[in-house]
Amino acid sequence: MRNAEPEELGTLPKNLQEWTSGFIELPGTKNVLSSSAFDPTGCFVAEDKGSIVGCVAVTNLPRKNWLVIRYLAAKRAQSRVYAVEKLLSRALQYVETKKPEFLRATTPSIQPYVDVYKSFAFKPIRRDFRITWDLTKTPESPTKQVEVREVTAKTAPEIAKVLVESIRPYWDWRTEEQEAKTLSARNSRKESKRANDGSPDP
């Protein structure tokens, strides 16, 4: 387990796409790794016989002192659960040095990543679906006719099949400790509002 070298960052997006069966897409990953949100000191890789077989990254969110753990992935992850656990453990050690105000994690809905997050006391807070369009293979023909059809009972299954193939489910996670802090803050706000409104407790 070690930090990723600068020359290795260029290969990570392709590796991530392969290790997650395309759930982590190339353009977005490249953008993140080259953005100001990315800090190379928070990116870690796992090695096996001199080859990189896994990675994870801690990046900044737009709000100050808010962090997100992402890109937890490994080659043939089912047989490398130990490596996945070590990667997440290393990322959390790094997070502790930053003393963030808020931490969340995001991952495709793929085992064993979901199980590993749960084993580290993360709780799922939201599941969403991200649709990725591959425009690189679209021919440039501005005069091409586009057929617009009404969705009917007959065409709906066909459209649903295409959508299901392009939708990528993701989980967002939060630690149990932060979940408790969020609930406490929410309850405090409710009590304060009741006190200000003069409304009785329910």
C-alpha atoms as a PDB file:
ATOM      1  CA  MET A   1       0.000   0.000   0.000  1.00  0.00           C
ATOM      2  CA  ARG A   2       1.537   3.324  -1.057  1.00  0.00           C
ATOM      3  CA  ASN A   3       0.828   6.702  -2.590  1.00  0.00           C
ATOM      4  CA  ALA A   4       0.273   6.772  -6.333  1.00  0.00           C
ATOM      5  CA  GLU A   5       3.206   8.182  -8.289  1.00  0.00           C
ATOM      6  CA  PRO A   6       2.471  11.163 -10.595  1.00  0.00           C
ATOM      7  CA  GLU A   7       3.265   9.115 -13.713  1.00  0.00           C
ATOM      8  CA  GLU A   8       0.774   6.431 -12.614  1.00  0.00           C
ATOM      9  CA  LEU A   9      -2.204   8.775 -12.379  1.00  0.00           C
ATOM     10  CA  GLY A  10      -2.686   8.759 -16.144  1.00  0.00           C
ATOM     11  CA  THR A  11      -3.386   5.019 -16.164  1.00  0.00           C
ATOM     12  CA  LEU A  12      -5.792   5.021 -13.211  1.00  0.00           C
ATOM     13  CA  PRO A  13      -8.973   6.058 -15.104  1.00  0.00           C
ATOM     14  CA  LYS A  14      -8.612   3.160 -17.550  1.00  0.00           C
ATOM     15  CA  ASN A  15      -7.840   0.736 -14.711  1.00  0.00           C
ATOM     16  CA  LEU A  16     -10.837   1.955 -12.724  1.00  0.00           C
ATOM     17  CA  GLN A  17     -13.128   1.508 -15.693  1.00  0.00           C
ATOM     18  CA  GLU A  18     -11.858  -2.036 -16.187  1.00  0.00           C
ATOM     19  CA  TRP A  19     -12.013  -2.996 -12.497  1.00  0.00           C
ATOM     20  CA  THR A  20     -15.606  -1.748 -12.158  1.00  0.00           C
ATOM     21  CA  SER A  21     -16.851  -3.148 -15.491  1.00  0.00           C
ATOM     22  CA  GLY A  22     -17.376   0.351 -16.858  1.00  0.00           C
ATOM     23  CA  PHE A  23     -19.254   1.740 -13.846  1.00  0.00           C
ATOM     24  CA  ILE A  24     -16.556   4.390 -13.389  1.00  0.00           C
ATOM     25  CA  GLU A  25     -16.326   6.244 -16.690  1.00  0.00           C
ATOM     26  CA  LEU A  26     -13.180   7.664 -18.250  1.00  0.00           C
ATOM     27  CA  PRO A  27     -13.883  11.366 -19.020  1.00  0.00           C
ATOM     28  CA  GLY A  28     -15.267  12.244 -15.584  1.00  0.00           C
ATOM     29  CA  THR A  29     -12.466  10.416 -13.778  1.00  0.00           C
ATOM     30  CA  LYS A  30      -9.806  12.162 -15.854  1.00  0.00           C
ATOM     31  CA  ASN A  31     -11.418  15.511 -15.052  1.00  0.00           C
ATOM     32  CA  VAL A  32     -11.379  14.837 -11.313  1.00  0.00           C
ATOM     33  CA  LEU A  33      -7.764  13.625 -11.300  1.00  0.00           C
ATOM     34  CA  SER A  34      -6.655  16.794 -13.080  1.00  0.00           C
ATOM     35  CA  SER A  35      -8.798  19.205 -11.046  1.00  0.00           C
ATOM     36  CA  SER A  36      -7.994  21.326  -8.004  1.00  0.00           C
ATOM     37  CA  ALA A  37     -10.189  18.982  -5.931  1.00  0.00           C
ATOM     38  CA  PHE A  38      -7.597  16.222  -6.349  1.00  0.00           C
ATOM     39  CA  ASP A  39      -4.639  15.952  -3.982  1.00  0.00           C
ATOM     40  CA  PRO A  40      -2.114  13.249  -4.996  1.00  0.00           C
ATOM     41  CA  THR A  41      -1.168  12.709  -1.336  1.00  0.00           C
ATOM     42  CA  GLY A  42      -4.691  11.343  -0.801  1.00  0.00           C
ATOM     43  CA  CYS A  43      -4.474   8.797  -3.621  1.00  0.00           C
ATOM     44  CA  PHE A  44      -3.299   5.286  -2.708  1.00  0.00           C
ATOM     45  CA  VAL A  45      -2.622   2.143  -4.722  1.00  0.00           C
ATOM     46  CA  ALA A  46      -2.225  -1.542  -3.903  1.00  0.00           C
ATOM     47  CA  GLU A  47       0.481  -3.573  -5.619  1.00  0.00           C
ATOM     48  CA  ASP A  48       0.872  -7.258  -6.374  1.00  0.00           C
ATOM     49  CA  LYS A  49       4.163  -8.484  -7.835  1.00  0.00           C
ATOM     50  CA  GLY A  50       5.060  -4.987  -9.010  1.00  0.00           C
ATOM     51  CA  SER A  51       1.718  -4.277 -10.719  1.00  0.00           C
ATOM     52  CA  ILE A  52      -1.001  -1.922  -9.504  1.00  0.00           C
ATOM     53  CA  VAL A  53      -4.090  -3.961  -8.633  1.00  0.00           C
ATOM     54  CA  GLY A  54      -6.196  -1.466  -6.688  1.00  0.00           C
ATOM     55  CA  CYS A  55      -6.664   2.157  -5.702  1.00  0.00           C
ATOM     56  CA  VAL A  56      -8.653   4.665  -3.688  1.00  0.00           C
ATOM     57  CA  ALA A  57      -8.654   8.467  -3.535  1.00  0.00           C
ATOM     58  CA  VAL A  58      -9.713  11.116  -1.046  1.00  0.00           C
ATOM     59  CA  THR A  59     -10.702  14.332  -2.796  1.00  0.00           C
ATOM     60  CA  ASN A  60     -12.089  17.708  -1.755  1.00  0.00           C
ATOM     61  CA  LEU A  61     -15.702  18.740  -2.070  1.00  0.00           C
ATOM     62  CA  PRO A  62     -16.570  22.346  -3.065  1.00  0.00           C
ATOM     63  CA  ARG A  63     -17.200  23.273   0.578  1.00  0.00           C
ATOM     64  CA  LYS A  64     -14.109  23.933   2.720  1.00  0.00           C
ATOM     65  CA  ASN A  65     -12.989  21.020   4.899  1.00  0.00           C
ATOM     66  CA  TRP A  66     -15.452  18.590   3.301  1.00  0.00           C
ATOM     67  CA  LEU A  67     -13.967  15.402   1.849  1.00  0.00           C
ATOM     68  CA  VAL A  68     -15.155  12.450  -0.212  1.00  0.00           C
ATOM     69  CA  ILE A  69     -13.643   8.977  -0.541  1.00  0.00           C
ATOM     70  CA  ARG A  70     -13.993   7.677  -4.081  1.00  0.00           C
ATOM     71  CA  TYR A  71     -12.517   5.283  -6.643  1.00  0.00           C
ATOM     72  CA  LEU A  72     -12.235   2.366  -4.219  1.00  0.00           C
ATOM     73  CA  ALA A  73     -11.591  -0.456  -6.684  1.00  0.00           C
ATOM     74  CA  ALA A  74      -9.396  -3.466  -7.297  1.00  0.00           C
ATOM     75  CA  LYS A  75      -8.627  -5.869 -10.106  1.00  0.00           C
ATOM     76  CA  ARG A  76     -10.619  -9.073  -9.521  1.00  0.00           C
ATOM     77  CA  ALA A  77     -11.931  -7.527  -6.314  1.00  0.00           C
ATOM     78  CA  GLN A  78     -13.834 -10.615  -5.178  1.00  0.00           C
ATOM     79  CA  SER A  79     -10.525 -12.413  -4.641  1.00  0.00           C
ATOM     80  CA  ARG A  80      -8.819  -9.299  -3.248  1.00  0.00           C
ATOM     81  CA  VAL A  81     -11.225  -8.251  -0.502  1.00  0.00           C
ATOM     82  CA  TYR A  82      -8.277  -7.920   1.888  1.00  0.00           C
ATOM     83  CA  ALA A  83      -6.631  -5.406  -0.465  1.00  0.00           C
ATOM     84  CA  VAL A  84      -9.894  -3.446  -0.783  1.00  0.00           C
ATOM     85  CA  GLU A  85     -10.157  -3.302   3.016  1.00  0.00           C
ATOM     86  CA  LYS A  86      -6.538  -2.145   3.343  1.00  0.00           C
ATOM     87  CA  LEU A  87      -7.110   0.577   0.751  1.00  0.00           C
ATOM     88  CA  LEU A  88     -10.153   1.929   2.578  1.00  0.00           C
ATOM     89  CA  SER A  89      -8.305   1.720   5.894  1.00  0.00           C
ATOM     90  CA  ARG A  90      -5.412   3.721   4.448  1.00  0.00           C
ATOM     91  CA  ALA A  91      -7.800   6.330   3.030  1.00  0.00           C
ATOM     92  CA  LEU A  92      -9.434   6.721   6.446  1.00  0.00           C
ATOM     93  CA  GLN A  93      -6.041   7.164   8.104  1.00  0.00           C
ATOM     94  CA  TYR A  94      -5.356   9.982   5.664  1.00  0.00           C
ATOM     95  CA  VAL A  95      -8.785  11.504   6.360  1.00  0.00           C
ATOM     96  CA  GLU A  96      -8.016  11.569  10.105  1.00  0.00           C
ATOM     97  CA  THR A  97      -4.949  13.752   9.473  1.00  0.00           C
ATOM     98  CA  LYS A  98      -7.186  16.289   7.705  1.00  0.00           C
ATOM     99  CA  LYS A  99      -9.729  16.484  10.556  1.00  0.00           C
ATOM    100  CA  PRO A 100     -12.616  17.160   8.132  1.00  0.00           C
ATOM    101  CA  GLU A 101     -15.878  18.770   9.134  1.00  0.00           C
ATOM    102  CA  PHE A 102     -17.731  16.345   6.865  1.00  0.00           C
ATOM    103  CA  LEU A 103     -16.885  13.092   5.140  1.00  0.00           C
ATOM    104  CA  ARG A 104     -18.818  10.990   2.694  1.00  0.00           C
ATOM    105  CA  ALA A 105     -17.948   8.214   0.285  1.00  0.00           C
ATOM    106  CA  THR A 106     -19.279   7.161  -3.086  1.00  0.00           C
ATOM    107  CA  THR A 107     -19.085   3.827  -4.861  1.00  0.00           C
ATOM    108  CA  PRO A 108     -20.784   1.853  -7.627  1.00  0.00           C
ATOM    109  CA  SER A 109     -23.290  -0.713  -6.356  1.00  0.00           C
ATOM    110  CA  ILE A 110     -20.814  -3.571  -6.753  1.00  0.00           C
ATOM    111  CA  GLN A 111     -19.768  -6.228  -4.283  1.00  0.00           C
ATOM    112  CA  PRO A 112     -17.409  -6.377  -2.471  1.00  0.00           C
ATOM    113  CA  TYR A 113     -17.131  -2.565  -2.294  1.00  0.00           C
ATOM    114  CA  VAL A 114     -20.585  -2.175  -0.738  1.00  0.00           C
ATOM    115  CA  ASP A 115     -19.795  -4.850   1.863  1.00  0.00           C
ATOM    116  CA  VAL A 116     -16.422  -3.308   2.698  1.00  0.00           C
ATOM    117  CA  TYR A 117     -17.961   0.127   3.318  1.00  0.00           C
ATOM    118  CA  LYS A 118     -20.562  -1.457   5.591  1.00  0.00           C
ATOM    119  CA  SER A 119     -17.852  -3.335   7.509  1.00  0.00           C
ATOM    120  CA  PHE A 120     -16.147   0.010   8.206  1.00  0.00           C
ATOM    121  CA  ALA A 121     -19.339   1.372   9.843  1.00  0.00           C
ATOM    122  CA  PHE A 122     -20.456   3.423   6.846  1.00  0.00           C
ATOM    123  CA  LYS A 123     -24.191   3.699   6.280  1.00  0.00           C
ATOM    124  CA  PRO A 124     -25.776   4.229   2.864  1.00  0.00           C
ATOM    125  CA  ILE A 125     -27.501   7.609   2.723  1.00  0.00           C
ATOM    126  CA  ARG A 126     -28.544   7.832  -0.902  1.00  0.00           C
ATOM    127  CA  ARG A 127     -28.684   5.702  -4.008  1.00  0.00           C
ATOM    128  CA  ASP A 128     -28.708   7.500  -7.299  1.00  0.00           C
ATOM    129  CA  PHE A 129     -28.432   6.658 -10.960  1.00  0.00           C
ATOM    130  CA  ARG A 130     -25.924   8.328 -13.249  1.00  0.00           C
ATOM    131  CA  ILE A 131     -26.447   8.162 -16.978  1.00  0.00           C
ATOM    132  CA  THR A 132     -23.329   8.418 -19.121  1.00  0.00           C
ATOM    133  CA  TRP A 133     -23.537   9.190 -22.815  1.00  0.00           C
ATOM    134  CA  ASP A 134     -20.633   8.166 -25.033  1.00  0.00           C
ATOM    135  CA  LEU A 135     -20.501  10.961 -27.590  1.00  0.00           C
ATOM    136  CA  THR A 136     -17.069  10.031 -28.947  1.00  0.00           C
ATOM    137  CA  LYS A 137     -18.610   7.518 -31.354  1.00  0.00           C
ATOM    138  CA  THR A 138     -21.308   9.860 -32.645  1.00  0.00           C
ATOM    139  CA  PRO A 139     -20.622  10.839 -36.279  1.00  0.00           C
ATOM    140  CA  GLU A 140     -20.543  14.541 -36.981  1.00  0.00           C
ATOM    141  CA  SER A 141     -23.434  15.067 -39.357  1.00  0.00           C
ATOM    142  CA  PRO A 142     -25.420  18.223 -38.503  1.00  0.00           C
ATOM    143  CA  THR A 143     -27.896  17.567 -41.325  1.00  0.00           C
ATOM    144  CA  LYS A 144     -28.799  14.078 -40.090  1.00  0.00           C
ATOM    145  CA  GLN A 145     -32.535  13.601 -39.571  1.00  0.00           C
ATOM    146  CA  VAL A 146     -33.582  12.682 -36.033  1.00  0.00           C
ATOM    147  CA  GLU A 147     -36.819  10.786 -35.603  1.00  0.00           C
ATOM    148  CA  VAL A 148     -38.894  11.749 -32.566  1.00  0.00           C
ATOM    149  CA  ARG A 149     -41.503   9.193 -31.596  1.00  0.00           C
ATOM    150  CA  GLU A 150     -44.130   9.152 -28.874  1.00  0.00           C
ATOM    151  CA  VAL A 151     -43.510   6.561 -26.167  1.00  0.00           C
ATOM    152  CA  THR A 152     -46.259   3.963 -26.387  1.00  0.00           C
ATOM    153  CA  ALA A 153     -46.948   0.679 -24.612  1.00  0.00           C
ATOM    154  CA  LYS A 154     -45.317  -1.041 -27.569  1.00  0.00           C
ATOM    155  CA  THR A 155     -42.093   1.015 -27.582  1.00  0.00           C
ATOM    156  CA  ALA A 156     -41.698   1.444 -23.796  1.00  0.00           C
ATOM    157  CA  PRO A 157     -39.976  -1.944 -23.195  1.00  0.00           C
ATOM    158  CA  GLU A 158     -37.474  -1.208 -25.970  1.00  0.00           C
ATOM    159  CA  ILE A 159     -36.653   2.218 -24.500  1.00  0.00           C
ATOM    160  CA  ALA A 160     -36.443   0.797 -20.977  1.00  0.00           C
ATOM    161  CA  LYS A 161     -33.928  -1.809 -22.151  1.00  0.00           C
ATOM    162  CA  VAL A 162     -31.664   0.900 -23.601  1.00  0.00           C
ATOM    163  CA  LEU A 163     -31.928   3.003 -20.443  1.00  0.00           C
ATOM    164  CA  VAL A 164     -31.190   0.108 -18.106  1.00  0.00           C
ATOM    165  CA  GLU A 165     -28.024  -0.619 -20.060  1.00  0.00           C
ATOM    166  CA  SER A 166     -26.824   2.988 -19.693  1.00  0.00           C
ATOM    167  CA  ILE A 167     -27.835   3.741 -16.086  1.00  0.00           C
ATOM    168  CA  ARG A 168     -25.112   3.293 -13.484  1.00  0.00           C
ATOM    169  CA  PRO A 169     -26.286   2.916  -9.860  1.00  0.00           C
ATOM    170  CA  TYR A 170     -24.133   4.491  -7.144  1.00  0.00           C
ATOM    171  CA  TRP A 171     -24.304   4.577  -3.356  1.00  0.00           C
ATOM    172  CA  ASP A 172     -23.327   7.528  -1.229  1.00  0.00           C
ATOM    173  CA  TRP A 173     -22.137   6.669   2.276  1.00  0.00           C
ATOM    174  CA  ARG A 174     -21.672   8.409   5.595  1.00  0.00           C
ATOM    175  CA  THR A 175     -20.047   7.148   8.786  1.00  0.00           C
ATOM    176  CA  GLU A 176     -22.302   6.195  11.713  1.00  0.00           C
ATOM    177  CA  GLU A 177     -20.640   8.905  13.815  1.00  0.00           C
ATOM    178  CA  GLN A 178     -21.502  11.587  11.278  1.00  0.00           C
ATOM    179  CA  GLU A 179     -25.020  10.224  10.931  1.00  0.00           C
ATOM    180  CA  ALA A 180     -25.449  10.692  14.687  1.00  0.00           C
ATOM    181  CA  LYS A 181     -24.048  14.243  14.487  1.00  0.00           C
ATOM    182  CA  THR A 182     -26.435  15.079  11.632  1.00  0.00           C
ATOM    183  CA  LEU A 183     -29.449  13.763  13.568  1.00  0.00           C
ATOM    184  CA  SER A 184     -28.370  15.671  16.676  1.00  0.00           C
ATOM    185  CA  ALA A 185     -27.996  18.921  14.696  1.00  0.00           C
ATOM    186  CA  ARG A 186     -31.371  18.344  13.020  1.00  0.00           C
ATOM    187  CA  ASN A 187     -33.080  17.751  16.387  1.00  0.00           C
ATOM    188  CA  SER A 188     -31.439  20.876  17.838  1.00  0.00           C
ATOM    189  CA  ARG A 189     -32.768  22.943  14.934  1.00  0.00           C
ATOM    190  CA  LYS A 190     -36.272  21.504  15.454  1.00  0.00           C
ATOM    191  CA  GLU A 191     -36.202  22.265  19.191  1.00  0.00           C
ATOM    192  CA  SER A 192     -34.959  25.785  18.511  1.00  0.00           C
ATOM    193  CA  LYS A 193     -37.716  26.349  15.954  1.00  0.00           C
ATOM    194  CA  ARG A 194     -40.365  25.030  18.378  1.00  0.00           C
ATOM    195  CA  ALA A 195     -39.035  27.339  21.088  1.00  0.00           C
ATOM    196  CA  ASN A 196     -39.142  30.336  18.753  1.00  0.00           C
ATOM    197  CA  ASP A 197     -42.598  29.466  17.394  1.00  0.00           C
ATOM    198  CA  GLY A 198     -43.985  28.694  20.849  1.00  0.00           C
ATOM    199  CA  SER A 199     -45.433  25.478  19.484  1.00  0.00           C
ATOM    200  CA  PRO A 200     -45.885  22.546  21.919  1.00  0.00           C
ATOM    201  CA  ASP A 201     -43.830  19.384  21.653  1.00  0.00           C
ATOM    202  CA  PRO A 202     -45.513  16.712  19.514  1.00  0.00           C
END
